[in-house]
Amino acid sequence: MYNLEEIITDHELVSDELSKLNLSESLEPFIVVVDQENKRSVKEILQEAHAEVAEIQTSRKRHHVDFDDTLSQKPSEDRHEFKPEGP
């Protein structure tokens, strides 16, 4: 049995997410997604998706900062040049 309050809350969350994605008019409302292993509520799926997106954004920010730090480093005073010796 489904809890009506949870169903309404899940539907509202989905509607909000679809509105953010500008897809609210192209998809019909849905309450529960069934996969091969078990039933998962929309709320669970959205929470998992948010966590994955946050992890990716954090990773991208870290890479971006590391790259920016590399570009902004000043050249060192050591002007040593490597000159390979020929045979």
C-alpha atoms as a PDB file:
ATOM      1  CA  MET A   1       0.000   0.000   0.000  1.00  0.00           C
ATOM      2  CA  TYR A   2       1.158   3.507  -0.753  1.00  0.00           C
ATOM      3  CA  ASN A   3       1.022   6.399   1.608  1.00  0.00           C
ATOM      4  CA  LEU A   4      -1.030   9.100  -0.124  1.00  0.00           C
ATOM      5  CA  GLU A   5       0.981  11.891   1.497  1.00  0.00           C
ATOM      6  CA  GLU A   6       4.254  10.420   0.192  1.00  0.00           C
ATOM      7  CA  ILE A   7       2.775  10.026  -3.275  1.00  0.00           C
ATOM      8  CA  ILE A   8       1.693  13.675  -3.357  1.00  0.00           C
ATOM      9  CA  THR A   9       5.099  14.816  -2.078  1.00  0.00           C
ATOM     10  CA  ASP A  10       6.899  12.675  -4.660  1.00  0.00           C
ATOM     11  CA  HIS A  11       4.686  14.035  -7.418  1.00  0.00           C
ATOM     12  CA  GLU A  12       5.449  17.607  -6.308  1.00  0.00           C
ATOM     13  CA  LEU A  13       9.197  16.875  -6.291  1.00  0.00           C
ATOM     14  CA  VAL A  14       9.016  15.435  -9.778  1.00  0.00           C
ATOM     15  CA  SER A  15       6.982  18.388 -11.019  1.00  0.00           C
ATOM     16  CA  ASP A  16       9.547  20.790  -9.563  1.00  0.00           C
ATOM     17  CA  GLU A  17      12.435  18.900 -11.161  1.00  0.00           C
ATOM     18  CA  LEU A  18      10.713  18.720 -14.533  1.00  0.00           C
ATOM     19  CA  SER A  19       9.955  22.429 -14.361  1.00  0.00           C
ATOM     20  CA  LYS A  20      13.632  23.148 -13.715  1.00  0.00           C
ATOM     21  CA  LEU A  21      14.514  21.037 -16.730  1.00  0.00           C
ATOM     22  CA  ASN A  22      11.737  22.677 -18.736  1.00  0.00           C
ATOM     23  CA  LEU A  23      10.200  19.252 -19.380  1.00  0.00           C
ATOM     24  CA  SER A  24       7.043  19.534 -17.310  1.00  0.00           C
ATOM     25  CA  GLU A  25       4.780  19.777 -20.342  1.00  0.00           C
ATOM     26  CA  SER A  26       6.313  16.913 -22.295  1.00  0.00           C
ATOM     27  CA  LEU A  27       6.148  14.177 -19.664  1.00  0.00           C
ATOM     28  CA  GLU A  28       3.119  12.800 -17.929  1.00  0.00           C
ATOM     29  CA  PRO A  29       3.099  12.686 -14.118  1.00  0.00           C
ATOM     30  CA  PHE A  30       4.376   9.486 -12.596  1.00  0.00           C
ATOM     31  CA  ILE A  31       4.570   8.204  -9.055  1.00  0.00           C
ATOM     32  CA  VAL A  32       6.741   5.096  -8.840  1.00  0.00           C
ATOM     33  CA  VAL A  33       9.405   3.721 -11.133  1.00  0.00           C
ATOM     34  CA  VAL A  34       9.774  -0.035 -11.232  1.00  0.00           C
ATOM     35  CA  ASP A  35      13.082  -1.588 -12.198  1.00  0.00           C
ATOM     36  CA  GLN A  36      13.959  -5.257 -12.419  1.00  0.00           C
ATOM     37  CA  GLU A  37      15.126  -5.524  -8.826  1.00  0.00           C
ATOM     38  CA  ASN A  38      12.657  -3.472  -6.835  1.00  0.00           C
ATOM     39  CA  LYS A  39      10.280  -0.551  -6.783  1.00  0.00           C
ATOM     40  CA  ARG A  40      11.912   2.794  -6.227  1.00  0.00           C
ATOM     41  CA  SER A  41      10.047   5.955  -5.462  1.00  0.00           C
ATOM     42  CA  VAL A  42      10.630   9.036  -7.531  1.00  0.00           C
ATOM     43  CA  LYS A  43      11.940  10.749  -4.403  1.00  0.00           C
ATOM     44  CA  GLU A  44      14.675   8.105  -3.986  1.00  0.00           C
ATOM     45  CA  ILE A  45      15.673   8.368  -7.624  1.00  0.00           C
ATOM     46  CA  LEU A  46      15.838  12.174  -7.512  1.00  0.00           C
ATOM     47  CA  GLN A  47      17.866  12.120  -4.290  1.00  0.00           C
ATOM     48  CA  GLU A  48      20.335   9.679  -5.841  1.00  0.00           C
ATOM     49  CA  ALA A  49      20.548  11.801  -8.992  1.00  0.00           C
ATOM     50  CA  HIS A  50      21.160  14.970  -6.965  1.00  0.00           C
ATOM     51  CA  ALA A  51      23.954  13.228  -5.042  1.00  0.00           C
ATOM     52  CA  GLU A  52      25.597  12.051  -8.271  1.00  0.00           C
ATOM     53  CA  VAL A  53      25.372  15.506  -9.858  1.00  0.00           C
ATOM     54  CA  ALA A  54      26.818  17.144  -6.725  1.00  0.00           C
ATOM     55  CA  GLU A  55      29.716  14.676  -6.768  1.00  0.00           C
ATOM     56  CA  ILE A  56      30.438  15.414 -10.430  1.00  0.00           C
ATOM     57  CA  GLN A  57      30.243  19.181  -9.885  1.00  0.00           C
ATOM     58  CA  THR A  58      32.620  18.942  -6.923  1.00  0.00           C
ATOM     59  CA  SER A  59      35.051  16.907  -9.000  1.00  0.00           C
ATOM     60  CA  ARG A  60      34.876  19.374 -11.896  1.00  0.00           C
ATOM     61  CA  LYS A  61      35.454  22.329  -9.573  1.00  0.00           C
ATOM     62  CA  ARG A  62      38.489  20.585  -8.095  1.00  0.00           C
ATOM     63  CA  HIS A  63      39.925  19.911 -11.572  1.00  0.00           C
ATOM     64  CA  HIS A  64      39.165  23.470 -12.653  1.00  0.00           C
ATOM     65  CA  VAL A  65      40.922  24.930  -9.601  1.00  0.00           C
ATOM     66  CA  ASP A  66      43.937  22.658 -10.082  1.00  0.00           C
ATOM     67  CA  PHE A  67      44.167  23.685 -13.727  1.00  0.00           C
ATOM     68  CA  ASP A  68      43.840  27.384 -12.876  1.00  0.00           C
ATOM     69  CA  ASP A  69      46.566  27.079 -10.241  1.00  0.00           C
ATOM     70  CA  THR A  70      48.887  25.540 -12.822  1.00  0.00           C
ATOM     71  CA  LEU A  71      48.280  28.356 -15.286  1.00  0.00           C
ATOM     72  CA  SER A  72      48.777  31.092 -12.724  1.00  0.00           C
ATOM     73  CA  GLN A  73      52.114  29.864 -11.386  1.00  0.00           C
ATOM     74  CA  LYS A  74      54.955  32.283 -11.963  1.00  0.00           C
ATOM     75  CA  PRO A  75      58.062  30.922 -13.656  1.00  0.00           C
ATOM     76  CA  SER A  76      60.842  30.094 -11.257  1.00  0.00           C
ATOM     77  CA  GLU A  77      64.110  31.996 -11.197  1.00  0.00           C
ATOM     78  CA  ASP A  78      65.963  28.834 -12.198  1.00  0.00           C
ATOM     79  CA  ARG A  79      66.617  29.234 -15.915  1.00  0.00           C
ATOM     80  CA  HIS A  80      68.386  25.894 -16.294  1.00  0.00           C
ATOM     81  CA  GLU A  81      67.874  24.392 -19.719  1.00  0.00           C
ATOM     82  CA  PHE A  82      68.272  20.740 -20.520  1.00  0.00           C
ATOM     83  CA  LYS A  83      70.613  20.169 -23.453  1.00  0.00           C
ATOM     84  CA  PRO A  84      70.885  16.561 -24.547  1.00  0.00           C
ATOM     85  CA  GLU A  85      74.348  15.445 -25.570  1.00  0.00           C
ATOM     86  CA  GLY A  86      74.592  13.974 -29.024  1.00  0.00           C
ATOM     87  CA  PRO A  87      76.524  10.797 -29.911  1.00  0.00           C
END
